[in-house]
Amino acid sequence: MNALTEPAEAKPSAIARPPLVRELLLVAGLFLVYKFGRQLVTGHTTEAYRNAGHVWHWERVLDLPGEGSVQSLLLHGDTLAHLANTYYATVHFPATVAFLVWLYLRRPAHYVWARRVLALLTGAALVLHVVFPLAPPRMLAAAGLVDTAKVYGPSVYGPPQTDTLSNQFAAMPSLHFGWALIVAIGLIVATRSRLRWLWLLHPLVTLLVIVGTANHYWMDAMVATALLGIALAIIHVPHRTVTTAGRAQEKLAPAEPKENVLVGAGR
């Protein structure tokens, strides 16, 4: 991450890192809640398809661009579709874990903030998964979209009827997009490089991938953004990065008396 983070020299951190074992347990717990909490709505197939019809209708009322417009770009060749499916399957968790590890090591204060935001966003998303089960557009006949993972691979999902490892009717909100967005925001606010804004490419690519592969609707990303906005309003970002804080402390420190001047004055 150094290329897009900070060119400045390292500064000693004034913020103590949280205990590593406790943090590993907390992050592992967050992952397990995310993974198994989605199973709470398994079996709500009829409701999930009915809600999918509603979302598809609402998007047309709002005059949002059809998800098919993005997918048509991927279907120009097998390679693009395969790359998009690979990105969907492999980037989501590793990128978020790498983000948390880097913050833990280099920006402890921002790490605590990011972990809390992720926990709040994920918890709110799971509640919405329970109250609003939603079939993804690849399952909705009215959408007329291709299940690119099934056709071009790789796929992280099995048949919905026999898939016991994931709940495929938890499309809204998209945590793929929500987590990608907090990764980008976290790296932007925790670093000072002018290149840090390039991290916004991560949620942008993620958005195009989740829509183009027909795993999510536009509204799934919109709701994830709204929930993240609420989480950010509740949990405030640290005012300064560790590096900036170090410099501020240096500027605010009172000047030490110059002994040689005082000695000369005594004479």
C-alpha atoms as a PDB file:
ATOM      1  CA  MET A   1       0.000   0.000   0.000  1.00  0.00           C
ATOM      2  CA  ASN A   2       2.996   2.320   0.271  1.00  0.00           C
ATOM      3  CA  ALA A   3       2.760   3.546  -3.336  1.00  0.00           C
ATOM      4  CA  LEU A   4      -0.636   5.136  -2.693  1.00  0.00           C
ATOM      5  CA  THR A   5      -0.328   6.032   0.946  1.00  0.00           C
ATOM      6  CA  GLU A   6       2.451   8.281   2.174  1.00  0.00           C
ATOM      7  CA  PRO A   7       5.862   9.374   0.986  1.00  0.00           C
ATOM      8  CA  ALA A   8       6.732  10.958   4.313  1.00  0.00           C
ATOM      9  CA  GLU A   9       9.187   9.663   6.864  1.00  0.00           C
ATOM     10  CA  ALA A  10       7.943   7.399   9.636  1.00  0.00           C
ATOM     11  CA  LYS A  11       6.984   9.032  12.899  1.00  0.00           C
ATOM     12  CA  PRO A  12       6.586   7.406  16.301  1.00  0.00           C
ATOM     13  CA  SER A  13       2.987   6.635  17.096  1.00  0.00           C
ATOM     14  CA  ALA A  14       1.432   8.361  20.067  1.00  0.00           C
ATOM     15  CA  ILE A  15      -1.494   5.914  20.018  1.00  0.00           C
ATOM     16  CA  ALA A  16      -0.994   2.493  21.592  1.00  0.00           C
ATOM     17  CA  ARG A  17      -2.073  -0.404  19.419  1.00  0.00           C
ATOM     18  CA  PRO A  18      -4.953  -2.488  20.792  1.00  0.00           C
ATOM     19  CA  PRO A  19      -3.947  -5.953  22.055  1.00  0.00           C
ATOM     20  CA  LEU A  20      -3.351  -8.187  19.031  1.00  0.00           C
ATOM     21  CA  VAL A  21      -5.091 -11.297  20.354  1.00  0.00           C
ATOM     22  CA  ARG A  22      -8.204  -9.323  21.275  1.00  0.00           C
ATOM     23  CA  GLU A  23      -8.307  -7.717  17.837  1.00  0.00           C
ATOM     24  CA  LEU A  24      -7.887 -11.056  16.081  1.00  0.00           C
ATOM     25  CA  LEU A  25     -10.821 -12.416  18.064  1.00  0.00           C
ATOM     26  CA  LEU A  26     -12.947  -9.339  17.314  1.00  0.00           C
ATOM     27  CA  VAL A  27     -12.240  -9.423  13.583  1.00  0.00           C
ATOM     28  CA  ALA A  28     -12.780 -13.175  13.449  1.00  0.00           C
ATOM     29  CA  GLY A  29     -16.067 -12.685  15.285  1.00  0.00           C
ATOM     30  CA  LEU A  30     -17.080 -10.003  12.805  1.00  0.00           C
ATOM     31  CA  PHE A  31     -16.343 -12.375   9.949  1.00  0.00           C
ATOM     32  CA  LEU A  32     -18.350 -15.207  11.549  1.00  0.00           C
ATOM     33  CA  VAL A  33     -21.307 -12.911  12.204  1.00  0.00           C
ATOM     34  CA  TYR A  34     -21.191 -11.797   8.590  1.00  0.00           C
ATOM     35  CA  LYS A  35     -20.884 -15.356   7.284  1.00  0.00           C
ATOM     36  CA  PHE A  36     -23.406 -17.145   9.454  1.00  0.00           C
ATOM     37  CA  GLY A  37     -25.766 -14.268  10.206  1.00  0.00           C
ATOM     38  CA  ARG A  38     -26.843 -14.312   6.566  1.00  0.00           C
ATOM     39  CA  GLN A  39     -28.186 -17.813   7.105  1.00  0.00           C
ATOM     40  CA  LEU A  40     -31.019 -16.375   9.205  1.00  0.00           C
ATOM     41  CA  VAL A  41     -33.051 -15.682   6.080  1.00  0.00           C
ATOM     42  CA  THR A  42     -32.297 -18.910   4.266  1.00  0.00           C
ATOM     43  CA  GLY A  43     -35.473 -20.390   2.840  1.00  0.00           C
ATOM     44  CA  HIS A  44     -37.364 -17.107   2.335  1.00  0.00           C
ATOM     45  CA  THR A  45     -37.353 -17.806  -1.381  1.00  0.00           C
ATOM     46  CA  THR A  46     -40.820 -16.533  -2.273  1.00  0.00           C
ATOM     47  CA  GLU A  47     -40.362 -13.283  -0.389  1.00  0.00           C
ATOM     48  CA  ALA A  48     -36.889 -12.795  -1.871  1.00  0.00           C
ATOM     49  CA  TYR A  49     -38.203 -13.094  -5.442  1.00  0.00           C
ATOM     50  CA  ARG A  50     -41.134 -10.806  -4.688  1.00  0.00           C
ATOM     51  CA  ASN A  51     -38.762  -8.177  -3.288  1.00  0.00           C
ATOM     52  CA  ALA A  52     -36.557  -8.558  -6.365  1.00  0.00           C
ATOM     53  CA  GLY A  53     -39.514  -7.637  -8.527  1.00  0.00           C
ATOM     54  CA  HIS A  54     -40.140  -4.573  -6.373  1.00  0.00           C
ATOM     55  CA  VAL A  55     -36.504  -3.420  -6.584  1.00  0.00           C
ATOM     56  CA  TRP A  56     -36.440  -3.901 -10.343  1.00  0.00           C
ATOM     57  CA  HIS A  57     -39.620  -1.818 -10.623  1.00  0.00           C
ATOM     58  CA  TRP A  58     -38.298   0.926  -8.308  1.00  0.00           C
ATOM     59  CA  GLU A  59     -35.130   1.223 -10.372  1.00  0.00           C
ATOM     60  CA  ARG A  60     -37.158   1.707 -13.532  1.00  0.00           C
ATOM     61  CA  VAL A  61     -39.320   4.333 -11.797  1.00  0.00           C
ATOM     62  CA  LEU A  62     -36.151   6.162 -10.723  1.00  0.00           C
ATOM     63  CA  ASP A  63     -34.885   5.871 -14.304  1.00  0.00           C
ATOM     64  CA  LEU A  64     -31.662   4.199 -13.195  1.00  0.00           C
ATOM     65  CA  PRO A  65     -29.558   2.673 -15.985  1.00  0.00           C
ATOM     66  CA  GLY A  66     -30.255  -0.990 -16.576  1.00  0.00           C
ATOM     67  CA  GLU A  67     -27.783  -3.433 -15.062  1.00  0.00           C
ATOM     68  CA  GLY A  68     -27.642  -4.995 -18.515  1.00  0.00           C
ATOM     69  CA  SER A  69     -25.807  -1.945 -19.858  1.00  0.00           C
ATOM     70  CA  VAL A  70     -22.832  -2.822 -17.664  1.00  0.00           C
ATOM     71  CA  GLN A  71     -23.071  -6.544 -18.282  1.00  0.00           C
ATOM     72  CA  SER A  72     -23.072  -6.054 -22.051  1.00  0.00           C
ATOM     73  CA  LEU A  73     -19.547  -4.649 -21.727  1.00  0.00           C
ATOM     74  CA  LEU A  74     -18.358  -7.798 -19.976  1.00  0.00           C
ATOM     75  CA  LEU A  75     -19.989 -10.105 -22.490  1.00  0.00           C
ATOM     76  CA  HIS A  76     -17.882  -8.834 -25.381  1.00  0.00           C
ATOM     77  CA  GLY A  77     -15.410 -11.558 -24.531  1.00  0.00           C
ATOM     78  CA  ASP A  78     -14.936 -14.480 -22.183  1.00  0.00           C
ATOM     79  CA  THR A  79     -11.825 -12.893 -20.672  1.00  0.00           C
ATOM     80  CA  LEU A  80     -13.563  -9.803 -19.299  1.00  0.00           C
ATOM     81  CA  ALA A  81     -16.376 -11.827 -17.757  1.00  0.00           C
ATOM     82  CA  HIS A  82     -13.888 -14.259 -16.221  1.00  0.00           C
ATOM     83  CA  LEU A  83     -11.809 -11.402 -14.780  1.00  0.00           C
ATOM     84  CA  ALA A  84     -14.911  -9.772 -13.307  1.00  0.00           C
ATOM     85  CA  ASN A  85     -15.989 -13.038 -11.690  1.00  0.00           C
ATOM     86  CA  THR A  86     -12.474 -13.555 -10.328  1.00  0.00           C
ATOM     87  CA  TYR A  87     -12.451 -10.039  -8.856  1.00  0.00           C
ATOM     88  CA  TYR A  88     -15.830 -10.664  -7.232  1.00  0.00           C
ATOM     89  CA  ALA A  89     -14.680 -13.972  -5.763  1.00  0.00           C
ATOM     90  CA  THR A  90     -11.170 -13.105  -4.579  1.00  0.00           C
ATOM     91  CA  VAL A  91     -10.746  -9.392  -3.791  1.00  0.00           C
ATOM     92  CA  HIS A  92     -13.536  -8.690  -1.282  1.00  0.00           C
ATOM     93  CA  PHE A  93     -12.146 -10.300   1.900  1.00  0.00           C
ATOM     94  CA  PRO A  94      -8.376 -10.108   1.238  1.00  0.00           C
ATOM     95  CA  ALA A  95      -8.529  -6.383   0.450  1.00  0.00           C
ATOM     96  CA  THR A  96     -10.471  -5.656   3.627  1.00  0.00           C
ATOM     97  CA  VAL A  97      -8.148  -7.767   5.764  1.00  0.00           C
ATOM     98  CA  ALA A  98      -5.058  -6.119   4.239  1.00  0.00           C
ATOM     99  CA  PHE A  99      -6.625  -2.724   4.934  1.00  0.00           C
ATOM    100  CA  LEU A 100      -7.201  -3.553   8.613  1.00  0.00           C
ATOM    101  CA  VAL A 101      -3.727  -5.043   9.039  1.00  0.00           C
ATOM    102  CA  TRP A 102      -2.068  -1.967   7.525  1.00  0.00           C
ATOM    103  CA  LEU A 103      -4.068   0.388   9.725  1.00  0.00           C
ATOM    104  CA  TYR A 104      -3.304  -1.709  12.806  1.00  0.00           C
ATOM    105  CA  LEU A 105       0.425  -1.523  12.117  1.00  0.00           C
ATOM    106  CA  ARG A 106       0.683   2.059  10.851  1.00  0.00           C
ATOM    107  CA  ARG A 107      -2.408   3.973  12.038  1.00  0.00           C
ATOM    108  CA  PRO A 108      -3.728   2.490  15.311  1.00  0.00           C
ATOM    109  CA  ALA A 109      -6.251   5.265  15.914  1.00  0.00           C
ATOM    110  CA  HIS A 110      -7.678   4.900  12.419  1.00  0.00           C
ATOM    111  CA  TYR A 111      -7.696   1.125  12.808  1.00  0.00           C
ATOM    112  CA  VAL A 112     -10.013   1.317  15.820  1.00  0.00           C
ATOM    113  CA  TRP A 113     -12.243   3.757  13.954  1.00  0.00           C
ATOM    114  CA  ALA A 114     -12.374   1.599  10.807  1.00  0.00           C
ATOM    115  CA  ARG A 115     -13.063  -1.580  12.757  1.00  0.00           C
ATOM    116  CA  ARG A 116     -15.986   0.063  14.539  1.00  0.00           C
ATOM    117  CA  VAL A 117     -17.403   1.441  11.282  1.00  0.00           C
ATOM    118  CA  LEU A 118     -17.120  -1.960   9.610  1.00  0.00           C
ATOM    119  CA  ALA A 119     -18.832  -3.646  12.550  1.00  0.00           C
ATOM    120  CA  LEU A 120     -21.698  -1.145  12.553  1.00  0.00           C
ATOM    121  CA  LEU A 121     -22.133  -1.317   8.772  1.00  0.00           C
ATOM    122  CA  THR A 122     -22.085  -5.117   8.780  1.00  0.00           C
ATOM    123  CA  GLY A 123     -24.535  -5.348  11.677  1.00  0.00           C
ATOM    124  CA  ALA A 124     -26.982  -2.968  10.003  1.00  0.00           C
ATOM    125  CA  ALA A 125     -26.647  -4.895   6.745  1.00  0.00           C
ATOM    126  CA  LEU A 126     -27.449  -8.186   8.438  1.00  0.00           C
ATOM    127  CA  VAL A 127     -30.583  -6.681   9.962  1.00  0.00           C
ATOM    128  CA  LEU A 128     -31.686  -5.567   6.511  1.00  0.00           C
ATOM    129  CA  HIS A 129     -30.907  -9.017   5.112  1.00  0.00           C
ATOM    130  CA  VAL A 130     -33.338 -10.445   7.652  1.00  0.00           C
ATOM    131  CA  VAL A 131     -36.180  -7.989   7.122  1.00  0.00           C
ATOM    132  CA  PHE A 132     -35.752  -7.643   3.360  1.00  0.00           C
ATOM    133  CA  PRO A 133     -34.507 -10.861   1.735  1.00  0.00           C
ATOM    134  CA  LEU A 134     -33.684 -10.195  -1.901  1.00  0.00           C
ATOM    135  CA  ALA A 135     -32.872 -12.416  -4.858  1.00  0.00           C
ATOM    136  CA  PRO A 136     -30.008 -11.054  -6.989  1.00  0.00           C
ATOM    137  CA  PRO A 137     -30.712  -9.918 -10.561  1.00  0.00           C
ATOM    138  CA  ARG A 138     -29.089 -13.060 -12.001  1.00  0.00           C
ATOM    139  CA  MET A 139     -32.022 -14.996 -10.552  1.00  0.00           C
ATOM    140  CA  LEU A 140     -34.721 -12.585 -11.739  1.00  0.00           C
ATOM    141  CA  ALA A 141     -36.196 -13.614 -15.078  1.00  0.00           C
ATOM    142  CA  ALA A 142     -37.536 -10.107 -15.740  1.00  0.00           C
ATOM    143  CA  ALA A 143     -34.007  -8.720 -15.670  1.00  0.00           C
ATOM    144  CA  GLY A 144     -32.892 -10.895 -18.563  1.00  0.00           C
ATOM    145  CA  LEU A 145     -29.320 -11.021 -17.270  1.00  0.00           C
ATOM    146  CA  VAL A 146     -26.691 -13.739 -17.582  1.00  0.00           C
ATOM    147  CA  ASP A 147     -25.284 -15.473 -14.509  1.00  0.00           C
ATOM    148  CA  THR A 148     -21.711 -14.789 -15.590  1.00  0.00           C
ATOM    149  CA  ALA A 149     -20.150 -16.838 -12.802  1.00  0.00           C
ATOM    150  CA  LYS A 150     -22.138 -19.904 -13.838  1.00  0.00           C
ATOM    151  CA  VAL A 151     -21.398 -19.450 -17.545  1.00  0.00           C
ATOM    152  CA  TYR A 152     -17.797 -18.201 -17.530  1.00  0.00           C
ATOM    153  CA  GLY A 153     -16.565 -19.019 -14.002  1.00  0.00           C
ATOM    154  CA  PRO A 154     -15.255 -18.941 -11.412  1.00  0.00           C
ATOM    155  CA  SER A 155     -18.316 -19.146  -9.182  1.00  0.00           C
ATOM    156  CA  VAL A 156     -18.467 -18.788  -5.420  1.00  0.00           C
ATOM    157  CA  TYR A 157     -22.060 -20.018  -5.223  1.00  0.00           C
ATOM    158  CA  GLY A 158     -23.677 -23.375  -5.753  1.00  0.00           C
ATOM    159  CA  PRO A 159     -27.314 -24.011  -6.645  1.00  0.00           C
ATOM    160  CA  PRO A 160     -29.476 -21.975  -4.215  1.00  0.00           C
ATOM    161  CA  GLN A 161     -31.399 -25.062  -3.154  1.00  0.00           C
ATOM    162  CA  THR A 162     -28.269 -26.916  -1.986  1.00  0.00           C
ATOM    163  CA  ASP A 163     -25.893 -24.059  -1.084  1.00  0.00           C
ATOM    164  CA  THR A 164     -25.485 -24.321   2.688  1.00  0.00           C
ATOM    165  CA  LEU A 165     -22.389 -22.088   2.925  1.00  0.00           C
ATOM    166  CA  SER A 166     -23.944 -18.804   1.840  1.00  0.00           C
ATOM    167  CA  ASN A 167     -27.301 -17.118   1.625  1.00  0.00           C
ATOM    168  CA  GLN A 168     -27.865 -16.015  -1.951  1.00  0.00           C
ATOM    169  CA  PHE A 169     -31.007 -14.089  -1.014  1.00  0.00           C
ATOM    170  CA  ALA A 170     -29.117 -11.383   0.893  1.00  0.00           C
ATOM    171  CA  ALA A 171     -28.372  -9.016  -1.982  1.00  0.00           C
ATOM    172  CA  MET A 172     -29.357  -5.770  -0.258  1.00  0.00           C
ATOM    173  CA  PRO A 173     -27.253  -4.027   0.816  1.00  0.00           C
ATOM    174  CA  SER A 174     -24.090  -5.024  -1.042  1.00  0.00           C
ATOM    175  CA  LEU A 175     -21.352  -5.502   1.514  1.00  0.00           C
ATOM    176  CA  HIS A 176     -18.966  -6.077  -1.370  1.00  0.00           C
ATOM    177  CA  PHE A 177     -19.479  -2.423  -2.246  1.00  0.00           C
ATOM    178  CA  GLY A 178     -19.860  -1.142   1.323  1.00  0.00           C
ATOM    179  CA  TRP A 179     -16.603  -2.693   2.481  1.00  0.00           C
ATOM    180  CA  ALA A 180     -14.763  -1.525  -0.664  1.00  0.00           C
ATOM    181  CA  LEU A 181     -15.985   2.018  -0.012  1.00  0.00           C
ATOM    182  CA  ILE A 182     -14.825   2.084   3.610  1.00  0.00           C
ATOM    183  CA  VAL A 183     -11.424   0.717   2.526  1.00  0.00           C
ATOM    184  CA  ALA A 184     -11.057   3.614   0.094  1.00  0.00           C
ATOM    185  CA  ILE A 185     -12.338   6.225   2.551  1.00  0.00           C
ATOM    186  CA  GLY A 186     -10.167   4.865   5.343  1.00  0.00           C
ATOM    187  CA  LEU A 187      -6.989   5.010   3.271  1.00  0.00           C
ATOM    188  CA  ILE A 188      -7.801   8.506   2.031  1.00  0.00           C
ATOM    189  CA  VAL A 189      -8.342   9.969   5.500  1.00  0.00           C
ATOM    190  CA  ALA A 190      -5.461   8.070   7.123  1.00  0.00           C
ATOM    191  CA  THR A 191      -2.791   9.086   4.615  1.00  0.00           C
ATOM    192  CA  ARG A 192      -1.471  12.279   3.030  1.00  0.00           C
ATOM    193  CA  SER A 193      -0.179  11.324  -0.411  1.00  0.00           C
ATOM    194  CA  ARG A 194      -1.734  13.141  -3.343  1.00  0.00           C
ATOM    195  CA  LEU A 195      -2.159   9.726  -4.978  1.00  0.00           C
ATOM    196  CA  ARG A 196      -4.406   8.495  -2.166  1.00  0.00           C
ATOM    197  CA  TRP A 197      -7.537   9.478  -4.109  1.00  0.00           C
ATOM    198  CA  LEU A 198      -6.777   6.651  -6.528  1.00  0.00           C
ATOM    199  CA  TRP A 199      -8.092   4.290  -3.850  1.00  0.00           C
ATOM    200  CA  LEU A 200     -11.566   5.308  -5.040  1.00  0.00           C
ATOM    201  CA  LEU A 201     -10.919   3.033  -8.021  1.00  0.00           C
ATOM    202  CA  HIS A 202     -11.458   0.067  -5.708  1.00  0.00           C
ATOM    203  CA  PRO A 203     -15.144   0.771  -4.932  1.00  0.00           C
ATOM    204  CA  LEU A 204     -15.688   1.970  -8.503  1.00  0.00           C
ATOM    205  CA  VAL A 205     -14.379  -1.281  -9.994  1.00  0.00           C
ATOM    206  CA  THR A 206     -16.259  -3.237  -7.337  1.00  0.00           C
ATOM    207  CA  LEU A 207     -19.496  -1.469  -8.295  1.00  0.00           C
ATOM    208  CA  LEU A 208     -19.072  -2.282 -11.969  1.00  0.00           C
ATOM    209  CA  VAL A 209     -18.204  -5.888 -11.118  1.00  0.00           C
ATOM    210  CA  ILE A 210     -21.126  -6.586  -8.770  1.00  0.00           C
ATOM    211  CA  VAL A 211     -23.590  -5.060 -11.256  1.00  0.00           C
ATOM    212  CA  GLY A 212     -22.005  -6.491 -14.392  1.00  0.00           C
ATOM    213  CA  THR A 213     -21.921 -10.021 -12.987  1.00  0.00           C
ATOM    214  CA  ALA A 214     -25.612  -9.664 -12.039  1.00  0.00           C
ATOM    215  CA  ASN A 215     -24.926 -10.306  -8.374  1.00  0.00           C
ATOM    216  CA  HIS A 216     -26.364  -6.956  -7.250  1.00  0.00           C
ATOM    217  CA  TYR A 217     -28.707  -4.177  -8.283  1.00  0.00           C
ATOM    218  CA  TRP A 218     -27.708  -0.514  -8.359  1.00  0.00           C
ATOM    219  CA  MET A 219     -29.925  -0.012  -5.327  1.00  0.00           C
ATOM    220  CA  ASP A 220     -27.917  -2.547  -3.338  1.00  0.00           C
ATOM    221  CA  ALA A 221     -24.896  -0.255  -3.629  1.00  0.00           C
ATOM    222  CA  MET A 222     -26.996   2.847  -2.941  1.00  0.00           C
ATOM    223  CA  VAL A 223     -28.345   1.377   0.292  1.00  0.00           C
ATOM    224  CA  ALA A 224     -24.854   0.253   1.326  1.00  0.00           C
ATOM    225  CA  THR A 225     -23.629   3.819   0.774  1.00  0.00           C
ATOM    226  CA  ALA A 226     -26.474   5.226   2.872  1.00  0.00           C
ATOM    227  CA  LEU A 227     -25.764   2.806   5.736  1.00  0.00           C
ATOM    228  CA  LEU A 228     -22.066   3.644   5.588  1.00  0.00           C
ATOM    229  CA  GLY A 229     -22.925   7.339   5.707  1.00  0.00           C
ATOM    230  CA  ILE A 230     -24.925   6.761   8.884  1.00  0.00           C
ATOM    231  CA  ALA A 231     -22.075   4.742  10.410  1.00  0.00           C
ATOM    232  CA  LEU A 232     -19.578   7.493   9.582  1.00  0.00           C
ATOM    233  CA  ALA A 233     -21.878  10.108  11.131  1.00  0.00           C
ATOM    234  CA  ILE A 234     -22.059   8.088  14.351  1.00  0.00           C
ATOM    235  CA  ILE A 235     -18.386   7.079  14.567  1.00  0.00           C
ATOM    236  CA  HIS A 236     -16.221  10.101  13.871  1.00  0.00           C
ATOM    237  CA  VAL A 237     -12.910   9.774  12.105  1.00  0.00           C
ATOM    238  CA  PRO A 238      -9.776  10.724  14.090  1.00  0.00           C
ATOM    239  CA  HIS A 239      -8.881  14.348  13.434  1.00  0.00           C
ATOM    240  CA  ARG A 240      -5.252  13.753  12.545  1.00  0.00           C
ATOM    241  CA  THR A 241      -3.190  10.946  11.151  1.00  0.00           C
ATOM    242  CA  VAL A 242      -0.416   9.595  13.349  1.00  0.00           C
ATOM    243  CA  THR A 243       2.173  11.388  11.240  1.00  0.00           C
ATOM    244  CA  THR A 244       0.309  14.682  11.373  1.00  0.00           C
ATOM    245  CA  ALA A 245      -0.314  14.271  15.095  1.00  0.00           C
ATOM    246  CA  GLY A 246       3.408  13.776  15.627  1.00  0.00           C
ATOM    247  CA  ARG A 247       4.161  16.983  13.787  1.00  0.00           C
ATOM    248  CA  ALA A 248       1.464  18.856  15.700  1.00  0.00           C
ATOM    249  CA  GLN A 249       2.978  17.742  18.979  1.00  0.00           C
ATOM    250  CA  GLU A 250       6.359  18.943  17.811  1.00  0.00           C
ATOM    251  CA  LYS A 251       4.932  22.353  16.923  1.00  0.00           C
ATOM    252  CA  LEU A 252       3.019  22.695  20.175  1.00  0.00           C
ATOM    253  CA  ALA A 253       5.884  21.614  22.427  1.00  0.00           C
ATOM    254  CA  PRO A 254       7.277  24.580  24.402  1.00  0.00           C
ATOM    255  CA  ALA A 255      10.744  25.641  23.435  1.00  0.00           C
ATOM    256  CA  GLU A 256      13.436  24.514  25.814  1.00  0.00           C
ATOM    257  CA  PRO A 257      15.365  27.379  27.508  1.00  0.00           C
ATOM    258  CA  LYS A 258      18.743  27.990  25.964  1.00  0.00           C
ATOM    259  CA  GLU A 259      21.185  27.530  28.801  1.00  0.00           C
ATOM    260  CA  ASN A 260      24.085  29.174  27.016  1.00  0.00           C
ATOM    261  CA  VAL A 261      22.081  32.421  26.688  1.00  0.00           C
ATOM    262  CA  LEU A 262      21.246  32.445  30.393  1.00  0.00           C
ATOM    263  CA  VAL A 263      24.853  31.808  31.347  1.00  0.00           C
ATOM    264  CA  GLY A 264      25.965  34.694  29.225  1.00  0.00           C
ATOM    265  CA  ALA A 265      23.319  36.931  30.797  1.00  0.00           C
ATOM    266  CA  GLY A 266      24.605  36.101  34.279  1.00  0.00           C
ATOM    267  CA  ARG A 267      28.022  37.306  33.387  1.00  0.00           C
END
